Every structure is written in structure tokens, then in C-alpha cells.
Protein backbone atom coordinates (compact mmCIF):
# COMPACT_ATOMS: atom_id res chain seq x y z
CA MET A 1 79.71 232.56 -31.57
CA THR A 2 82.60 235.02 -31.20
CA ASP A 3 85.20 235.79 -33.72
CA THR A 4 88.00 234.39 -31.62
CA HIS A 5 89.98 234.04 -34.69
CA GLN A 6 90.19 237.89 -35.14
CA ASP A 7 90.78 238.61 -31.61
CA ASN A 8 93.69 236.02 -30.86
CA PRO A 9 94.99 234.70 -34.23
CA VAL A 10 97.58 231.96 -34.34
CA ARG A 11 99.99 230.98 -37.38
CA LEU A 12 98.71 228.54 -39.77
CA SER A 13 102.00 226.49 -39.16
CA GLU A 14 101.22 226.46 -35.35
CA LEU A 15 97.71 225.27 -36.04
CA ALA A 16 98.94 222.53 -38.48
CA LEU A 17 101.45 221.16 -35.96
CA ALA A 18 99.01 221.11 -33.17
CA PHE A 19 96.60 218.97 -35.13
CA LEU A 20 99.14 216.73 -36.80
CA LYS A 21 100.02 215.92 -33.22
CA LEU A 22 96.67 215.19 -32.16
CA GLY A 23 95.94 213.23 -35.22
CA THR A 24 98.87 210.89 -34.44
CA ILE A 25 98.36 210.45 -30.57
CA ALA A 26 94.36 210.65 -30.27
CA PHE A 27 93.58 207.01 -29.47
CA GLY A 28 90.29 205.91 -27.91
CA GLY A 29 87.61 207.32 -30.11
CA PRO A 30 85.42 210.39 -30.42
CA ALA A 31 84.94 211.03 -26.39
CA ALA A 32 88.70 210.64 -26.04
CA HIS A 33 89.47 213.12 -28.86
CA ILE A 34 87.13 215.82 -27.38
CA ALA A 35 88.86 215.43 -23.95
CA ILE A 36 92.22 215.69 -25.50
CA MET A 37 91.21 218.84 -27.50
CA GLU A 38 89.83 220.31 -24.59
CA ALA A 39 93.12 219.94 -22.49
CA GLU A 40 95.11 221.11 -25.51
CA PHE A 41 93.17 224.29 -26.57
CA VAL A 42 91.42 225.32 -23.53
CA ARG A 43 93.74 224.53 -20.79
CA ARG A 44 97.17 224.26 -22.33
CA ARG A 45 97.39 226.79 -25.23
CA LYS A 46 94.33 228.90 -24.03
CA TRP A 47 93.09 229.34 -27.81
CA LEU A 48 89.36 229.00 -26.44
CA THR A 49 87.54 229.68 -23.23
CA GLU A 50 85.71 226.69 -21.76
CA ALA A 51 82.47 228.24 -22.97
CA GLU A 52 83.69 228.68 -26.57
CA PHE A 53 84.91 225.17 -26.60
CA LEU A 54 81.50 223.94 -25.45
CA ASP A 55 79.68 226.23 -27.97
CA ARG A 56 81.76 224.56 -30.85
CA LEU A 57 81.21 221.10 -29.39
CA GLY A 58 77.54 221.75 -29.35
CA ALA A 59 77.55 222.99 -33.10
CA ALA A 60 79.59 219.78 -34.13
CA ASN A 61 76.90 217.65 -32.51
CA LEU A 62 73.97 219.30 -34.48
CA ILE A 63 75.39 218.57 -37.97
CA PRO A 64 76.10 215.14 -39.72
CA GLY A 65 79.37 213.86 -39.66
CA PRO A 66 82.17 212.61 -37.05
CA SER A 67 81.79 215.09 -34.20
CA SER A 68 85.26 215.15 -32.80
CA THR A 69 86.67 215.67 -36.31
CA GLU A 70 84.09 218.49 -36.98
CA LEU A 71 85.02 219.87 -33.36
CA ALA A 72 88.80 220.12 -34.92
CA ILE A 73 87.49 221.87 -38.00
CA PHE A 74 85.33 224.35 -35.94
CA VAL A 75 88.65 225.25 -33.85
CA GLY A 76 90.50 225.82 -36.86
CA TYR A 77 87.68 227.91 -38.43
CA THR A 78 87.45 229.91 -35.14
CA LYS A 79 91.31 230.71 -35.01
CA ARG A 80 91.86 231.27 -38.91
CA GLY A 81 88.67 231.33 -40.67
CA VAL A 82 88.42 229.14 -43.77
CA LEU A 83 92.13 228.59 -44.23
CA GLY A 84 92.37 227.55 -40.61
CA LEU A 85 89.19 225.20 -41.14
CA LEU A 86 91.08 223.41 -43.93
CA VAL A 87 94.45 223.12 -42.12
CA ALA A 88 93.00 221.90 -38.88
CA GLY A 89 90.63 219.49 -40.28
CA SER A 90 93.26 218.08 -42.82
CA CYS A 91 95.93 217.78 -40.34
CA PHE A 92 93.80 215.78 -37.86
CA ILE A 93 92.62 213.36 -40.41
CA ILE A 94 95.91 212.77 -42.61
CA PRO A 95 97.97 210.82 -39.78
CA ALA A 96 95.03 208.27 -39.42
CA ALA A 97 94.33 207.99 -43.02
CA VAL A 98 98.08 207.29 -43.92
CA LEU A 99 98.36 204.68 -41.03
CA VAL A 100 94.96 202.95 -42.05
CA SER A 101 96.29 202.82 -45.73
CA LEU A 102 99.33 201.05 -44.65
CA ILE A 103 97.59 198.73 -42.61
CA ALA A 104 95.12 197.99 -45.52
CA MET A 105 98.12 197.16 -47.78
CA ALA A 106 99.38 194.67 -45.10
CA TYR A 107 95.96 193.27 -44.68
CA VAL A 108 95.47 192.55 -48.30
CA ARG A 109 98.87 190.85 -48.51
CA TYR A 110 99.04 189.02 -45.16
CA GLY A 111 95.46 188.92 -43.95
CA SER A 112 95.00 185.25 -44.42
CA LEU A 113 98.12 184.30 -42.48
CA PRO A 114 97.38 182.43 -39.19
CA GLN A 115 99.11 185.13 -37.05
CA VAL A 116 97.07 188.11 -38.56
CA ALA A 117 93.87 185.97 -38.55
CA GLY A 118 94.49 185.32 -34.78
CA ILE A 119 94.90 188.96 -34.11
CA LEU A 120 91.96 189.95 -35.79
CA TYR A 121 89.94 186.97 -34.38
CA ALA A 122 90.32 188.40 -30.84
CA ILE A 123 90.02 192.15 -31.87
CA LYS A 124 86.63 191.59 -33.40
CA PRO A 125 84.72 190.67 -30.02
CA VAL A 126 86.49 193.57 -28.22
CA VAL A 127 84.95 195.92 -31.01
CA ILE A 128 81.54 194.53 -30.05
CA ALA A 129 82.20 195.21 -26.59
CA ILE A 130 83.29 198.81 -27.26
CA ILE A 131 80.14 199.43 -29.25
CA ALA A 132 78.11 198.01 -26.46
CA GLN A 133 79.59 200.40 -23.93
CA ALA A 134 79.11 203.31 -26.17
CA LEU A 135 75.45 202.36 -26.54
CA TRP A 136 74.90 202.08 -22.89
CA ASN A 137 76.48 205.53 -22.12
CA LEU A 138 74.85 207.32 -25.00
CA ALA A 139 71.46 205.91 -24.46
CA ARG A 140 71.32 207.04 -20.93
CA THR A 141 71.80 210.64 -22.19
CA ALA A 142 69.81 210.41 -25.46
CA VAL A 143 66.62 208.69 -24.30
CA LYS A 144 65.14 211.46 -22.32
CA THR A 145 61.42 210.68 -22.64
CA ARG A 146 59.02 207.73 -23.07
CA LEU A 147 58.48 208.96 -26.50
CA LEU A 148 62.05 208.90 -27.43
CA ALA A 149 62.29 205.32 -26.06
CA VAL A 150 59.40 204.23 -28.23
CA ILE A 151 60.96 206.07 -31.39
CA GLY A 152 64.20 204.15 -30.71
CA LEU A 153 62.14 200.78 -30.64
CA ILE A 154 60.28 201.78 -33.95
CA ALA A 155 63.73 202.67 -35.54
CA MET A 156 65.31 199.37 -34.58
CA VAL A 157 62.27 197.51 -36.09
CA LEU A 158 62.56 199.49 -39.29
CA SER A 159 66.24 198.89 -39.47
CA LEU A 160 65.65 195.05 -39.01
CA LEU A 161 63.40 195.17 -41.81
CA ARG A 162 66.28 196.41 -44.05
CA ILE A 163 64.84 199.94 -44.22
CA ASP A 164 67.44 202.50 -45.67
CA PRO A 165 69.25 204.17 -42.79
CA LEU A 166 68.47 207.65 -44.19
CA VAL A 167 64.88 206.75 -44.05
CA VAL A 168 65.01 205.48 -40.47
CA LEU A 169 66.77 208.63 -39.28
CA ALA A 170 64.14 210.90 -41.21
CA ALA A 171 61.31 209.01 -39.62
CA ALA A 172 62.81 209.24 -36.14
CA GLY A 173 63.14 213.05 -36.51
CA VAL A 174 59.64 213.37 -37.79
CA LEU A 175 58.28 211.16 -35.02
CA ALA A 176 59.96 213.19 -32.49
CA ALA A 177 58.62 216.34 -33.83
CA LEU A 178 54.90 215.12 -34.05
CA PRO A 179 53.91 216.70 -30.63
CA LEU A 180 54.95 220.06 -32.03
CA LEU A 181 53.21 219.32 -35.23
CA LEU A 182 50.01 218.55 -33.29
CA GLU A 183 50.25 221.89 -31.57
CA LYS A 184 50.01 223.58 -34.93
CA SER A 185 47.58 221.45 -36.66
CA PHE A 186 46.91 217.90 -37.72
CA ALA A 187 47.02 218.61 -41.45
CA GLY A 188 49.78 216.94 -43.43
CA ILE A 189 50.96 214.53 -40.71
CA VAL A 190 49.73 211.42 -42.69
CA THR A 191 51.79 212.80 -45.62
CA ILE A 192 54.84 213.40 -43.71
CA SER A 193 54.97 210.16 -41.80
CA GLY A 194 54.57 208.29 -45.18
CA ILE A 195 58.23 209.06 -45.73
CA GLY A 196 59.22 206.12 -43.40
CA LEU A 197 58.47 203.51 -45.95
CA ALA A 198 59.91 204.99 -49.09
CA GLY A 199 62.22 203.12 -51.10
CA THR A 200 61.92 199.84 -49.10
CA GLY A 201 61.64 197.50 -52.14
CA ALA A 202 65.24 198.25 -53.81
CA ALA A 203 66.55 194.98 -55.12
CA THR A 204 70.06 194.10 -54.13
CA VAL A 205 71.94 193.60 -57.38
CA ALA A 206 75.80 193.33 -57.54
CA VAL A 207 77.25 196.53 -59.11
CA PRO A 208 80.59 196.79 -60.74
CA VAL A 209 83.38 198.57 -58.75
CA SER A 210 83.49 202.22 -59.86
CA LEU A 211 85.72 204.82 -58.47
CA LEU A 212 82.98 207.49 -58.93
CA ARG A 213 80.36 205.22 -57.36
CA LEU A 214 82.85 204.55 -54.46
CA PHE A 215 83.50 208.34 -54.03
CA LEU A 216 79.70 209.09 -54.18
CA SER A 217 78.58 206.53 -51.83
CA PHE A 218 81.05 207.75 -49.18
CA LEU A 219 79.99 211.39 -49.80
CA LYS A 220 76.51 210.32 -49.26
CA ILE A 221 77.39 208.51 -46.12
CA GLY A 222 79.43 211.58 -44.78
CA ALA A 223 76.60 213.91 -45.27
CA ALA A 224 74.15 211.73 -43.61
CA VAL A 225 75.52 210.12 -40.40
CA PHE A 226 74.41 211.58 -37.10
CA GLY A 227 75.38 210.61 -33.58
CA SER A 228 78.57 208.39 -32.78
CA GLY A 229 80.93 207.23 -35.33
CA TYR A 230 79.75 203.76 -34.75
CA VAL A 231 76.44 204.63 -36.59
CA LEU A 232 78.59 204.63 -39.68
CA LEU A 233 78.66 200.96 -39.48
CA ALA A 234 74.93 200.70 -40.30
CA PHE A 235 75.36 202.80 -43.40
CA LEU A 236 78.51 200.81 -44.42
CA ARG A 237 76.78 197.53 -44.14
CA VAL A 238 73.66 198.56 -46.19
CA GLU A 239 75.77 200.41 -48.83
CA PHE A 240 78.64 198.00 -49.41
CA ILE A 241 77.14 194.63 -48.44
CA ASN A 242 73.48 194.64 -49.02
CA LYS A 243 73.31 197.00 -52.01
CA LEU A 244 76.81 196.96 -53.90
CA HIS A 245 78.16 193.74 -52.50
CA TRP A 246 81.66 194.86 -52.56
CA LEU A 247 82.36 193.61 -49.09
CA THR A 248 81.90 190.62 -46.87
CA GLU A 249 80.83 190.74 -43.20
CA LYS A 250 84.24 189.73 -42.36
CA GLN A 251 86.02 192.53 -44.22
CA LEU A 252 83.52 195.25 -42.73
CA LEU A 253 84.22 193.94 -39.13
CA ASP A 254 88.00 193.91 -39.94
CA ALA A 255 87.52 197.58 -41.36
CA VAL A 256 85.89 198.60 -38.04
CA ALA A 257 88.72 197.04 -35.93
CA VAL A 258 91.43 198.87 -37.85
CA GLY A 259 89.37 202.19 -37.38
CA GLN A 260 89.49 201.27 -33.55
CA PHE A 261 92.88 200.62 -32.93
CA THR A 262 94.53 203.57 -34.91
CA PRO A 263 94.44 207.06 -33.68
CA GLY A 264 92.33 209.86 -35.09
CA PRO A 265 88.84 209.60 -36.56
CA VAL A 266 86.76 206.47 -36.51
CA PHE A 267 85.61 207.54 -39.91
CA THR A 268 89.07 206.43 -41.44
CA THR A 269 87.36 203.11 -41.67
CA ALA A 270 86.38 204.53 -45.00
CA THR A 271 90.11 204.67 -45.96
CA PHE A 272 90.50 201.07 -45.24
CA ILE A 273 87.33 200.04 -47.31
CA GLY A 274 88.32 202.10 -50.17
CA TYR A 275 91.76 200.51 -50.43
CA LEU A 276 90.13 196.94 -50.19
CA VAL A 277 87.69 197.91 -53.05
CA ALA A 278 90.03 199.91 -55.27
CA GLY A 279 93.44 200.24 -54.03
CA MET A 280 95.22 203.38 -53.18
CA LYS A 281 93.00 205.45 -55.54
CA GLY A 282 90.03 203.98 -53.59
CA ALA A 283 91.38 204.99 -50.43
CA VAL A 284 92.10 208.56 -51.29
CA LEU A 285 88.58 208.82 -52.84
CA ALA A 286 86.71 207.20 -49.88
CA THR A 287 88.65 209.39 -47.52
CA LEU A 288 87.73 212.67 -49.44
CA GLY A 289 84.12 211.48 -49.84
CA ILE A 290 83.50 210.72 -46.25
CA PHE A 291 85.14 213.73 -44.81
CA LEU A 292 84.24 216.47 -47.41
CA PRO A 293 80.62 217.03 -46.09
CA GLY A 294 82.00 217.82 -42.65
CA PHE A 295 84.17 220.60 -43.97
CA LEU A 296 81.44 222.01 -46.02
CA LEU A 297 78.83 221.82 -43.18
CA VAL A 298 81.20 223.64 -40.65
CA ALA A 299 81.89 226.42 -43.17
CA VAL A 300 78.07 226.92 -43.80
CA SER A 301 76.83 226.31 -40.32
CA GLY A 302 79.41 228.33 -38.29
CA PRO A 303 77.78 231.81 -38.67
CA VAL A 304 74.23 230.57 -37.89
CA VAL A 305 74.66 227.71 -35.59
CA GLY A 306 73.93 229.77 -32.50
CA LYS A 307 70.25 230.37 -33.94
CA ILE A 308 69.89 226.72 -34.92
CA ARG A 309 70.78 225.59 -31.36
CA ARG A 310 68.24 227.92 -29.78
CA SER A 311 65.44 226.57 -32.03
CA ARG A 312 62.79 224.43 -30.32
CA TRP A 313 61.94 222.67 -33.68
CA ALA A 314 65.61 221.94 -34.60
CA GLY A 315 66.52 220.67 -31.04
CA THR A 316 63.40 218.39 -30.98
CA VAL A 317 64.04 216.93 -34.54
CA LEU A 318 67.78 216.37 -33.40
CA ASP A 319 66.50 214.34 -30.33
CA GLY A 320 64.74 211.89 -32.50
CA VAL A 321 67.61 211.70 -35.11
CA ILE A 322 69.95 210.92 -32.28
CA VAL A 323 67.84 208.19 -30.81
CA GLY A 324 67.36 206.74 -34.28
CA SER A 325 71.15 206.75 -34.68
CA LEU A 326 71.58 204.80 -31.44
CA ALA A 327 68.82 202.09 -32.81
CA LEU A 328 70.82 201.74 -36.10
CA MET A 329 73.89 201.25 -33.95
CA ALA A 330 72.21 198.68 -31.76
CA VAL A 331 71.02 196.59 -34.71
CA VAL A 332 74.45 196.67 -36.61
CA ALA A 333 76.29 195.74 -33.34
CA TRP A 334 73.97 192.71 -33.01
CA GLN A 335 74.50 191.74 -36.66
CA LEU A 336 78.09 191.95 -36.52
CA ALA A 337 78.26 190.16 -33.12
CA THR A 338 76.98 187.01 -34.83
CA THR A 339 80.13 187.14 -36.91
CA ALA A 340 82.55 188.09 -34.25
CA VAL A 341 81.56 185.95 -31.21
CA VAL A 342 81.76 182.48 -32.69
CA GLY A 343 83.18 180.27 -29.88
CA TRP A 344 83.89 180.09 -26.40
CA PHE A 345 87.19 182.23 -26.70
CA THR A 346 85.57 185.00 -28.34
CA ALA A 347 82.54 185.00 -26.05
CA ILE A 348 85.00 185.26 -23.09
CA VAL A 349 87.06 188.09 -24.82
CA ALA A 350 83.79 190.13 -25.51
CA LEU A 351 82.35 189.63 -22.03
CA ALA A 352 85.69 190.41 -20.21
CA SER A 353 86.12 193.50 -22.50
CA LEU A 354 82.57 194.78 -21.74
CA ALA A 355 83.10 194.32 -17.96
CA ILE A 356 86.38 196.22 -18.08
CA LEU A 357 84.98 198.95 -20.03
CA LEU A 358 81.91 199.33 -17.78
CA ARG A 359 83.99 199.19 -14.53
CA PHE A 360 87.12 201.09 -15.34
CA LYS A 361 88.17 204.19 -17.33
CA ILE A 362 90.51 202.48 -19.83
CA SER A 363 91.28 203.42 -23.42
CA SER A 364 89.68 200.99 -25.97
CA ALA A 365 93.16 201.23 -27.72
CA TRP A 366 94.82 199.25 -24.84
CA LEU A 367 91.92 196.76 -24.78
CA ILE A 368 92.41 196.09 -28.51
CA ALA A 369 96.22 196.01 -28.32
CA GLY A 370 95.89 193.35 -25.60
CA ALA A 371 93.33 191.38 -27.35
CA GLY A 372 95.40 191.18 -30.45
CA LEU A 373 98.38 189.81 -28.55
CA LEU A 374 96.04 187.22 -26.88
CA GLY A 375 94.53 186.27 -30.16
CA TRP A 376 98.02 185.87 -31.91
CA ALA A 377 99.23 183.53 -29.05
CA PHE A 378 95.88 181.62 -29.13
CA LYS A 379 96.00 180.87 -32.78
CA ALA A 380 99.84 180.35 -32.62
CA GLY A 381 99.50 177.27 -30.38
CA TRP A 382 97.46 178.12 -27.15
CA GLY A 383 94.26 177.02 -28.82
């Protein structure tokens, strides 16, 4: 990586305004965010060359966390070092976090009203369609070999057996690296692959709500989620439904829907959950917890990421982790679909949304907005 921030510095205020704008208008999920940043910083502002932008994008995809948010953090680091990192990342996250907190307040107060219930009733199947489309697109790129396809199937089975997502991802990375391990020696493979079953017998006991536990849970998730932001759903489900029993399936799906139809990072789903669990303090701590690892990882990996990307071992393990992430995403999509698609109306919405997404290049925000209006009308009297 080059030290572009030294060659062509920008003012911190200019950096802040640019990312506040993006955080306010960047609808459509990570892929859309990346496209908007390319247009803004490569073609319009010329802060980065195309090659520099792609280098940062590759770096963001190598580390855990939300790739588009980490790309924003990388841009800030490139232009103004550590201060730029903090300013760019914070300004990209804050607009969405504030908006999601306001929606969470309204949800807690009005979520049981028929009109609001109708909006969410129709939005949920659209979320399932969006996840299905993302799975289809990502899998075509990620599943490069038969071995990776088999690893994906194994990861799905482990997830269905309620193995911890972190263990599933670790096992996927190890399995992907097996051919390289065999090139070196056979010794130690049995020990390594034994990781895959560790910690599977944990009992699911209700845990009292604690701000510290809330923060640490999101800190752990933020440091572990690879791949698409939708993989976050698997971690949230295991942590807050299966382990802590702080959320219901309905609340999780509603949180995902809010993360979809608001601008900025999908990871602000954490803000919504934090508010549901512990009010405004919970929203703030959940947001800090989920995004803090991304800031730290960008700061640490920035100087060495070029060497990591060229490593045969790192690339192979990463391929396995990505396929494992997609497997987690597929399982959680199926589990959420059983809650979201519950009648003829939601089935039609889900199928129509998937067909539109696969056929046309349309922002998911427009689909969600349209479905929300349709659901409101349906519950108000058409149904």
C-alpha cells in the first residue's frame, strides 16, 4: 500500500462531511456502498486511484467485520492516518446508528399496532429474498472448487447441529487448508480437525440482561464475522436467541428488516437489538461493540496487508472461511424464512421480490419500501 495520505492530504472536516453524506444516502447494502465509494473517491474527488481503491477493498475483505464500513475506514486511514481512520469510520456509522435508534424507539412504543405490524409483515419476506439473492451471487464467486463446495455442505450440517458459528468458520478454514497441510506432512491433522466439535454441548440457560455482557457479546461478534453482513444473522441468532434468550425470532427478523431499509452499514442491526434489550445505553454499547474491532483491525493490518494478501496459506484459509460464512448465511436464511413466510401473501411477496432482484438491478431499499406500503394496505383492509 502506498502512503497516499502523505502525498495528497485532505482536511479532516472535508473527510467528515464526505462520509456523513455517504452514511446518510448509502442505501442498498455493502455492494451498493462500495460502488458509491468508488464513484465518490476515485472518479469524483480523485482521492484514490482505481488500483489503490481495489487494494483497500481487498484488504477489507481479508479481515473480520463489515467490509464496506472497513473500506470507509481504510480510505480515512489512507488520507489522514489514525485520525482519518476515526473520522471516516465514525461519520459513516453515526447517521445510520442515530436513525436506527429512533426507529427502535418507535418500534418499542408502536410495534404492536396493526399498521406497523402490517409493514413489518410484508418487509420480512423481502429480507429473505434479499438474502437469497446475495447467497446466489456470492456463492457463484466463492465456491471455486469441488473441495470448497463440500466444505460448504459440511459447514451447513455443523450449523444445523447448532455448532457455534466461530467453530464452524474455524473448521471451514482448516479443511480448506488440508491440501496444503498434506503437502508438508500428515502429522497433527487429526488434532487440528478436532477443533470442529469443541464446545458443542453448551447448555442454553437464560442469562440476566447486563450492559457489560451486551457489549462483550457484540465485541466478540464484531471480531469474528467474515463475509457478507448477512452472516451476522447467524451469530446474532446463536448469541441472543439460543444462548442468552434475550430476543425472539420475530424481534431478530424485525431487527434485520430495519438494518435493510436504513442507509449505512447493515451492522447497525446491532444498534436496534441493543435498544430492544437495554434502551439507549444498550444501543450505544452495542454499536461500539460491533464496530470497534473493525477500527482496530484496520489500524493493525494496514501496514502489513499487502504481505497477507500474497500469502498462499492466508488466501487458502480465507477461501474456506468465506464458504463457511455462506453456509451459515444459508442456514439462518432458512430458519428465518419459517417465521417470515407464513401465508399466501408473504409467499407471493417473497417470490416476487426474489424474481425482481434476480432479473433487474434494483436497490433493495426500494423493494422494502414498496413492500412496507403494500403490507400496510393489506393489514389495513385489503386482507
